[in-house]
Amino acid sequence: MLSGFDKSLLCNTLVGILKACEGRRTQIDLRNESHLCGKIESVAANMNVIMSDVTLTRPRFLSSHHHHDDKKMSQHYNELTVRGNNIRFVHIPQNIDMINALEAQIKAIRSRFNYRDKRSIKSTTKRSHS
């Protein structure tokens, strides 16, 4: 269950765009210069991401292998969890309309948790008194 803070993060930050990537394959660049390619299974409000069918590719200087076999630079995982604070950049698939994705996420959160924006409450109150 989401806390009020988590609901606020999902409605007021760009995590909603990342949530729109759930169920799709994409690339995530990490702060240590590595990158992940896989399917995003779920995204938490703090931007922690669970991925499946993931390939982790490390740059040569982070690899413990000193020879030049590129296949040794990549590792495959059936499932992987990434902490949000380790994410540098997420490649949003081109077929995602970001504005529609954000609007859909906000609508889903508001309907699921009966969340009402204070501005909309004020505007309906003003109209009813007129």
N, C-alpha and C. Protein backbone atom coordinates (compact mmCIF):
# COMPACT_ATOMS: atom_id res chain seq x y z
N MET A 1 0.84 -1.18 0.00
CA MET A 1 0.00 0.00 0.00
C MET A 1 0.88 1.24 0.00
N LEU A 2 0.50 2.22 -0.77
CA LEU A 2 1.28 3.44 -0.90
C LEU A 2 0.93 4.43 0.21
N SER A 3 1.96 5.10 0.71
CA SER A 3 1.74 6.16 1.68
C SER A 3 1.32 7.43 0.94
N GLY A 4 0.88 8.42 1.68
CA GLY A 4 0.54 9.71 1.08
C GLY A 4 1.73 10.32 0.37
N PHE A 5 2.91 10.14 0.97
CA PHE A 5 4.13 10.67 0.36
C PHE A 5 4.40 9.99 -0.97
N ASP A 6 4.25 8.65 -1.02
CA ASP A 6 4.47 7.91 -2.26
C ASP A 6 3.48 8.33 -3.34
N LYS A 7 2.22 8.53 -2.95
CA LYS A 7 1.20 8.98 -3.91
C LYS A 7 1.58 10.34 -4.47
N SER A 8 2.07 11.21 -3.59
CA SER A 8 2.48 12.54 -4.01
C SER A 8 3.65 12.46 -4.99
N LEU A 9 4.63 11.59 -4.71
CA LEU A 9 5.76 11.42 -5.63
C LEU A 9 5.30 10.95 -7.00
N LEU A 10 4.39 9.98 -7.01
CA LEU A 10 3.93 9.44 -8.28
C LEU A 10 3.13 10.46 -9.08
N CYS A 11 2.43 11.35 -8.40
CA CYS A 11 1.62 12.36 -9.10
C CYS A 11 2.40 13.61 -9.47
N ASN A 12 3.46 13.91 -8.75
CA ASN A 12 4.13 15.20 -8.90
C ASN A 12 5.57 15.12 -9.39
N THR A 13 6.04 13.94 -9.77
CA THR A 13 7.40 13.80 -10.29
C THR A 13 7.36 13.04 -11.61
N LEU A 14 8.50 12.88 -12.22
CA LEU A 14 8.57 12.17 -13.49
C LEU A 14 8.66 10.66 -13.33
N VAL A 15 8.50 10.16 -12.11
CA VAL A 15 8.46 8.72 -11.90
C VAL A 15 7.28 8.12 -12.67
N GLY A 16 6.24 8.91 -12.89
CA GLY A 16 5.10 8.45 -13.67
C GLY A 16 5.48 8.04 -15.08
N ILE A 17 6.43 8.73 -15.69
CA ILE A 17 6.89 8.34 -17.02
C ILE A 17 7.60 6.99 -16.95
N LEU A 18 8.41 6.81 -15.91
CA LEU A 18 9.10 5.54 -15.74
C LEU A 18 8.09 4.41 -15.52
N LYS A 19 7.02 4.69 -14.77
CA LYS A 19 5.98 3.68 -14.56
C LYS A 19 5.30 3.33 -15.88
N ALA A 20 5.24 4.27 -16.79
CA ALA A 20 4.64 4.00 -18.10
C ALA A 20 5.49 3.01 -18.90
N CYS A 21 6.73 2.82 -18.50
CA CYS A 21 7.62 1.86 -19.17
C CYS A 21 7.43 0.44 -18.65
N GLU A 22 6.61 0.26 -17.63
CA GLU A 22 6.38 -1.09 -17.09
C GLU A 22 5.86 -2.00 -18.20
N GLY A 23 6.44 -3.18 -18.27
CA GLY A 23 6.05 -4.14 -19.29
C GLY A 23 6.79 -3.97 -20.61
N ARG A 24 7.69 -3.01 -20.68
CA ARG A 24 8.43 -2.75 -21.93
C ARG A 24 9.93 -2.92 -21.70
N ARG A 25 10.62 -3.20 -22.79
CA ARG A 25 12.08 -3.31 -22.75
C ARG A 25 12.68 -1.93 -22.93
N THR A 26 13.70 -1.65 -22.15
CA THR A 26 14.38 -0.37 -22.27
C THR A 26 15.79 -0.48 -21.70
N GLN A 27 16.53 0.61 -21.77
CA GLN A 27 17.89 0.66 -21.24
C GLN A 27 17.93 1.65 -20.09
N ILE A 28 18.63 1.28 -19.02
CA ILE A 28 18.84 2.16 -17.87
C ILE A 28 20.34 2.31 -17.69
N ASP A 29 20.81 3.55 -17.67
CA ASP A 29 22.22 3.84 -17.41
C ASP A 29 22.39 4.09 -15.92
N LEU A 30 23.43 3.49 -15.36
CA LEU A 30 23.69 3.61 -13.92
C LEU A 30 24.78 4.64 -13.65
N ARG A 31 24.84 5.08 -12.42
CA ARG A 31 25.81 6.10 -12.03
C ARG A 31 27.25 5.62 -12.14
N ASN A 32 27.48 4.30 -12.11
CA ASN A 32 28.85 3.78 -12.19
C ASN A 32 29.28 3.49 -13.63
N GLU A 33 28.57 4.06 -14.62
CA GLU A 33 28.87 3.93 -16.05
C GLU A 33 28.42 2.60 -16.64
N SER A 34 27.82 1.72 -15.86
CA SER A 34 27.25 0.48 -16.38
C SER A 34 25.88 0.78 -16.96
N HIS A 35 25.34 -0.15 -17.74
CA HIS A 35 23.97 0.02 -18.19
C HIS A 35 23.26 -1.33 -18.23
N LEU A 36 21.94 -1.25 -18.07
CA LEU A 36 21.07 -2.42 -18.04
C LEU A 36 20.13 -2.37 -19.21
N CYS A 37 19.91 -3.50 -19.85
CA CYS A 37 18.90 -3.60 -20.90
C CYS A 37 17.98 -4.74 -20.50
N GLY A 38 16.69 -4.45 -20.39
CA GLY A 38 15.76 -5.49 -20.01
C GLY A 38 14.35 -4.96 -19.94
N LYS A 39 13.46 -5.82 -19.47
CA LYS A 39 12.04 -5.48 -19.36
C LYS A 39 11.76 -4.94 -17.96
N ILE A 40 11.13 -3.78 -17.89
CA ILE A 40 10.77 -3.20 -16.60
C ILE A 40 9.49 -3.87 -16.11
N GLU A 41 9.59 -4.52 -14.97
CA GLU A 41 8.43 -5.22 -14.39
C GLU A 41 7.63 -4.30 -13.47
N SER A 42 8.33 -3.54 -12.62
CA SER A 42 7.63 -2.61 -11.73
C SER A 42 8.55 -1.48 -11.31
N VAL A 43 7.90 -0.37 -10.94
CA VAL A 43 8.62 0.83 -10.50
C VAL A 43 7.97 1.32 -9.22
N ALA A 44 8.77 1.56 -8.19
CA ALA A 44 8.26 2.09 -6.93
C ALA A 44 8.34 3.61 -6.95
N ALA A 45 7.66 4.24 -6.01
CA ALA A 45 7.63 5.70 -5.96
C ALA A 45 9.03 6.30 -5.75
N ASN A 46 9.93 5.57 -5.09
CA ASN A 46 11.29 6.07 -4.87
C ASN A 46 12.21 5.74 -6.05
N MET A 47 11.61 5.27 -7.16
CA MET A 47 12.27 4.97 -8.42
C MET A 47 13.07 3.66 -8.38
N ASN A 48 12.87 2.83 -7.35
CA ASN A 48 13.46 1.50 -7.40
C ASN A 48 12.76 0.74 -8.52
N VAL A 49 13.53 0.00 -9.30
CA VAL A 49 13.01 -0.67 -10.49
C VAL A 49 13.32 -2.16 -10.41
N ILE A 50 12.31 -2.97 -10.71
CA ILE A 50 12.51 -4.42 -10.85
C ILE A 50 12.45 -4.71 -12.34
N MET A 51 13.50 -5.39 -12.82
CA MET A 51 13.60 -5.72 -14.25
C MET A 51 13.73 -7.23 -14.41
N SER A 52 13.32 -7.72 -15.58
CA SER A 52 13.51 -9.14 -15.90
C SER A 52 14.26 -9.26 -17.22
N ASP A 53 14.83 -10.45 -17.44
CA ASP A 53 15.59 -10.72 -18.66
C ASP A 53 16.58 -9.59 -18.93
N VAL A 54 17.47 -9.37 -17.96
CA VAL A 54 18.35 -8.20 -17.95
C VAL A 54 19.77 -8.55 -18.37
N THR A 55 20.34 -7.70 -19.19
CA THR A 55 21.77 -7.78 -19.50
C THR A 55 22.44 -6.57 -18.87
N LEU A 56 23.39 -6.84 -17.98
CA LEU A 56 24.19 -5.80 -17.34
C LEU A 56 25.50 -5.71 -18.09
N THR A 57 25.82 -4.52 -18.60
CA THR A 57 27.07 -4.31 -19.32
C THR A 57 27.89 -3.30 -18.54
N ARG A 58 29.11 -3.73 -18.21
CA ARG A 58 30.02 -2.86 -17.46
C ARG A 58 31.07 -2.29 -18.41
N PRO A 59 31.52 -1.07 -18.15
CA PRO A 59 32.63 -0.54 -18.95
C PRO A 59 33.90 -1.31 -18.62
N ARG A 60 34.82 -1.29 -19.53
CA ARG A 60 36.04 -2.08 -19.38
C ARG A 60 36.78 -1.80 -18.07
N PHE A 61 36.82 -0.55 -17.60
CA PHE A 61 37.58 -0.23 -16.39
C PHE A 61 36.93 -0.77 -15.12
N LEU A 62 35.65 -1.16 -15.16
CA LEU A 62 35.01 -1.75 -13.98
C LEU A 62 35.06 -3.27 -13.99
N SER A 63 35.45 -3.83 -15.11
CA SER A 63 35.46 -5.28 -15.24
C SER A 63 36.69 -5.86 -14.55
N SER A 64 36.49 -7.03 -13.94
CA SER A 64 37.62 -7.71 -13.31
C SER A 64 38.42 -8.50 -14.35
N HIS A 65 37.92 -8.56 -15.59
CA HIS A 65 38.60 -9.28 -16.66
C HIS A 65 39.52 -8.32 -17.39
N HIS A 66 40.75 -8.75 -17.59
CA HIS A 66 41.72 -7.85 -18.21
C HIS A 66 41.92 -8.12 -19.70
N HIS A 67 41.27 -9.15 -20.24
CA HIS A 67 41.41 -9.39 -21.66
C HIS A 67 40.30 -8.67 -22.41
N HIS A 68 40.36 -8.67 -23.71
CA HIS A 68 39.46 -7.83 -24.52
C HIS A 68 38.28 -8.60 -25.10
N ASP A 69 37.77 -9.58 -24.40
CA ASP A 69 36.60 -10.33 -24.87
C ASP A 69 35.35 -9.60 -24.40
N ASP A 70 34.63 -8.93 -25.35
CA ASP A 70 33.46 -8.13 -25.00
C ASP A 70 32.38 -8.94 -24.31
N LYS A 71 32.27 -10.23 -24.63
CA LYS A 71 31.24 -11.05 -24.01
C LYS A 71 31.46 -11.18 -22.50
N LYS A 72 32.67 -11.06 -22.05
CA LYS A 72 32.97 -11.15 -20.62
C LYS A 72 32.56 -9.87 -19.89
N MET A 73 32.26 -8.81 -20.63
CA MET A 73 31.88 -7.54 -20.02
C MET A 73 30.39 -7.51 -19.66
N SER A 74 29.63 -8.48 -20.16
CA SER A 74 28.18 -8.50 -19.94
C SER A 74 27.79 -9.71 -19.11
N GLN A 75 26.76 -9.51 -18.29
CA GLN A 75 26.20 -10.60 -17.50
C GLN A 75 24.69 -10.58 -17.68
N HIS A 76 24.09 -11.76 -17.68
CA HIS A 76 22.65 -11.87 -17.83
C HIS A 76 22.02 -12.28 -16.50
N TYR A 77 20.86 -11.66 -16.18
CA TYR A 77 20.10 -11.99 -14.97
C TYR A 77 18.64 -12.21 -15.35
N ASN A 78 18.03 -13.20 -14.74
CA ASN A 78 16.59 -13.41 -14.96
C ASN A 78 15.77 -12.29 -14.34
N GLU A 79 16.21 -11.81 -13.17
CA GLU A 79 15.53 -10.70 -12.49
C GLU A 79 16.57 -9.89 -11.74
N LEU A 80 16.35 -8.59 -11.70
CA LEU A 80 17.30 -7.69 -11.05
C LEU A 80 16.55 -6.50 -10.48
N THR A 81 16.91 -6.10 -9.27
CA THR A 81 16.33 -4.91 -8.65
C THR A 81 17.39 -3.82 -8.62
N VAL A 82 17.00 -2.63 -9.06
CA VAL A 82 17.91 -1.48 -9.12
C VAL A 82 17.41 -0.42 -8.16
N ARG A 83 18.27 0.03 -7.27
CA ARG A 83 17.90 1.14 -6.38
C ARG A 83 17.82 2.43 -7.18
N GLY A 84 16.79 3.21 -6.90
CA GLY A 84 16.57 4.44 -7.65
C GLY A 84 17.73 5.41 -7.59
N ASN A 85 18.43 5.45 -6.47
CA ASN A 85 19.54 6.42 -6.35
C ASN A 85 20.77 6.01 -7.17
N ASN A 86 20.76 4.80 -7.75
CA ASN A 86 21.86 4.38 -8.62
C ASN A 86 21.58 4.65 -10.09
N ILE A 87 20.38 5.13 -10.40
CA ILE A 87 20.00 5.37 -11.79
C ILE A 87 20.44 6.77 -12.23
N ARG A 88 21.14 6.83 -13.34
CA ARG A 88 21.54 8.12 -13.90
C ARG A 88 20.55 8.56 -14.98
N PHE A 89 20.13 7.60 -15.85
CA PHE A 89 19.32 7.97 -17.01
C PHE A 89 18.50 6.77 -17.44
N VAL A 90 17.27 7.02 -17.84
CA VAL A 90 16.41 5.96 -18.38
C VAL A 90 16.07 6.32 -19.82
N HIS A 91 16.30 5.39 -20.72
CA HIS A 91 15.96 5.60 -22.13
C HIS A 91 14.49 5.25 -22.30
N ILE A 92 13.66 6.26 -22.50
CA ILE A 92 12.22 6.05 -22.67
C ILE A 92 12.00 5.55 -24.09
N PRO A 93 11.31 4.42 -24.26
CA PRO A 93 11.04 3.93 -25.62
C PRO A 93 10.32 4.99 -26.44
N GLN A 94 10.66 5.08 -27.72
CA GLN A 94 10.11 6.12 -28.59
C GLN A 94 8.61 6.02 -28.76
N ASN A 95 8.04 4.84 -28.57
CA ASN A 95 6.61 4.69 -28.79
C ASN A 95 5.77 5.10 -27.58
N ILE A 96 6.40 5.64 -26.54
CA ILE A 96 5.65 6.13 -25.38
C ILE A 96 5.44 7.63 -25.53
N ASP A 97 4.19 8.06 -25.53
CA ASP A 97 3.84 9.48 -25.53
C ASP A 97 3.90 9.94 -24.08
N MET A 98 4.90 10.74 -23.75
CA MET A 98 5.15 11.08 -22.35
C MET A 98 4.01 11.84 -21.71
N ILE A 99 3.39 12.75 -22.41
CA ILE A 99 2.29 13.52 -21.82
C ILE A 99 1.12 12.61 -21.52
N ASN A 100 0.75 11.77 -22.47
CA ASN A 100 -0.35 10.82 -22.22
C ASN A 100 0.00 9.85 -21.11
N ALA A 101 1.25 9.42 -21.05
CA ALA A 101 1.69 8.49 -20.01
C ALA A 101 1.55 9.12 -18.62
N LEU A 102 1.98 10.38 -18.49
CA LEU A 102 1.86 11.06 -17.20
C LEU A 102 0.40 11.27 -16.81
N GLU A 103 -0.42 11.69 -17.76
CA GLU A 103 -1.84 11.90 -17.46
C GLU A 103 -2.51 10.59 -17.05
N ALA A 104 -2.17 9.50 -17.71
CA ALA A 104 -2.75 8.20 -17.38
C ALA A 104 -2.32 7.74 -15.99
N GLN A 105 -1.05 7.97 -15.63
CA GLN A 105 -0.57 7.58 -14.31
C GLN A 105 -1.28 8.39 -13.22
N ILE A 106 -1.42 9.68 -13.43
CA ILE A 106 -2.09 10.52 -12.43
C ILE A 106 -3.54 10.11 -12.28
N LYS A 107 -4.20 9.86 -13.40
CA LYS A 107 -5.60 9.44 -13.35
C LYS A 107 -5.75 8.11 -12.62
N ALA A 108 -4.86 7.17 -12.90
CA ALA A 108 -4.92 5.86 -12.25
C ALA A 108 -4.69 5.97 -10.75
N ILE A 109 -3.74 6.78 -10.35
CA ILE A 109 -3.44 6.93 -8.92
C ILE A 109 -4.61 7.61 -8.21
N ARG A 110 -5.14 8.64 -8.81
CA ARG A 110 -6.26 9.35 -8.19
C ARG A 110 -7.48 8.46 -8.05
N SER A 111 -7.77 7.66 -9.08
CA SER A 111 -8.96 6.80 -8.99
C SER A 111 -8.72 5.63 -8.04
N ARG A 112 -7.52 5.08 -8.03
CA ARG A 112 -7.22 3.93 -7.19
C ARG A 112 -7.20 4.29 -5.71
N PHE A 113 -6.74 5.47 -5.39
CA PHE A 113 -6.59 5.85 -3.99
C PHE A 113 -7.53 6.97 -3.57
N ASN A 114 -8.51 7.27 -4.41
CA ASN A 114 -9.48 8.32 -4.11
C ASN A 114 -8.76 9.62 -3.76
N TYR A 115 -7.73 9.92 -4.52
CA TYR A 115 -6.90 11.10 -4.30
C TYR A 115 -7.54 12.27 -5.01
N ARG A 116 -7.72 13.37 -4.29
CA ARG A 116 -8.28 14.57 -4.91
C ARG A 116 -7.31 15.72 -4.74
N ASP A 117 -7.16 16.44 -5.80
CA ASP A 117 -6.29 17.61 -5.81
C ASP A 117 -6.99 18.74 -5.05
N LYS A 118 -6.27 19.40 -4.15
CA LYS A 118 -6.86 20.50 -3.37
C LYS A 118 -7.39 21.62 -4.27
N ARG A 119 -6.71 21.83 -5.41
CA ARG A 119 -7.17 22.89 -6.32
C ARG A 119 -8.54 22.56 -6.89
N SER A 120 -8.78 21.30 -7.22
CA SER A 120 -10.07 20.93 -7.80
C SER A 120 -11.18 21.01 -6.74
N ILE A 121 -10.84 20.76 -5.48
CA ILE A 121 -11.83 20.88 -4.39
C ILE A 121 -12.23 22.34 -4.24
N LYS A 122 -11.25 23.25 -4.27
CA LYS A 122 -11.54 24.67 -4.14
C LYS A 122 -12.40 25.17 -5.29
N SER A 123 -12.07 24.73 -6.52
CA SER A 123 -12.82 25.24 -7.66
C SER A 123 -14.26 24.74 -7.66
N THR A 124 -14.52 23.50 -7.20
CA THR A 124 -15.89 23.01 -7.14
C THR A 124 -16.66 23.68 -6.01
N THR A 125 -15.95 24.03 -4.94
CA THR A 125 -16.61 24.73 -3.82
C THR A 125 -17.04 26.13 -4.26
N LYS A 126 -16.17 26.82 -4.99
CA LYS A 126 -16.50 28.17 -5.45
C LYS A 126 -17.71 28.14 -6.40
N ARG A 127 -17.76 27.15 -7.29
CA ARG A 127 -18.85 27.07 -8.23
C ARG A 127 -20.18 26.78 -7.55
N SER A 128 -20.15 25.98 -6.50
CA SER A 128 -21.41 25.61 -5.85
C SER A 128 -22.02 26.78 -5.06
N HIS A 129 -21.19 27.75 -4.65
CA HIS A 129 -21.70 28.90 -3.90
C HIS A 129 -22.17 30.02 -4.82
N SER A 130 -21.84 29.96 -6.09
CA SER A 130 -22.19 31.04 -7.02
C SER A 130 -23.63 30.97 -7.46
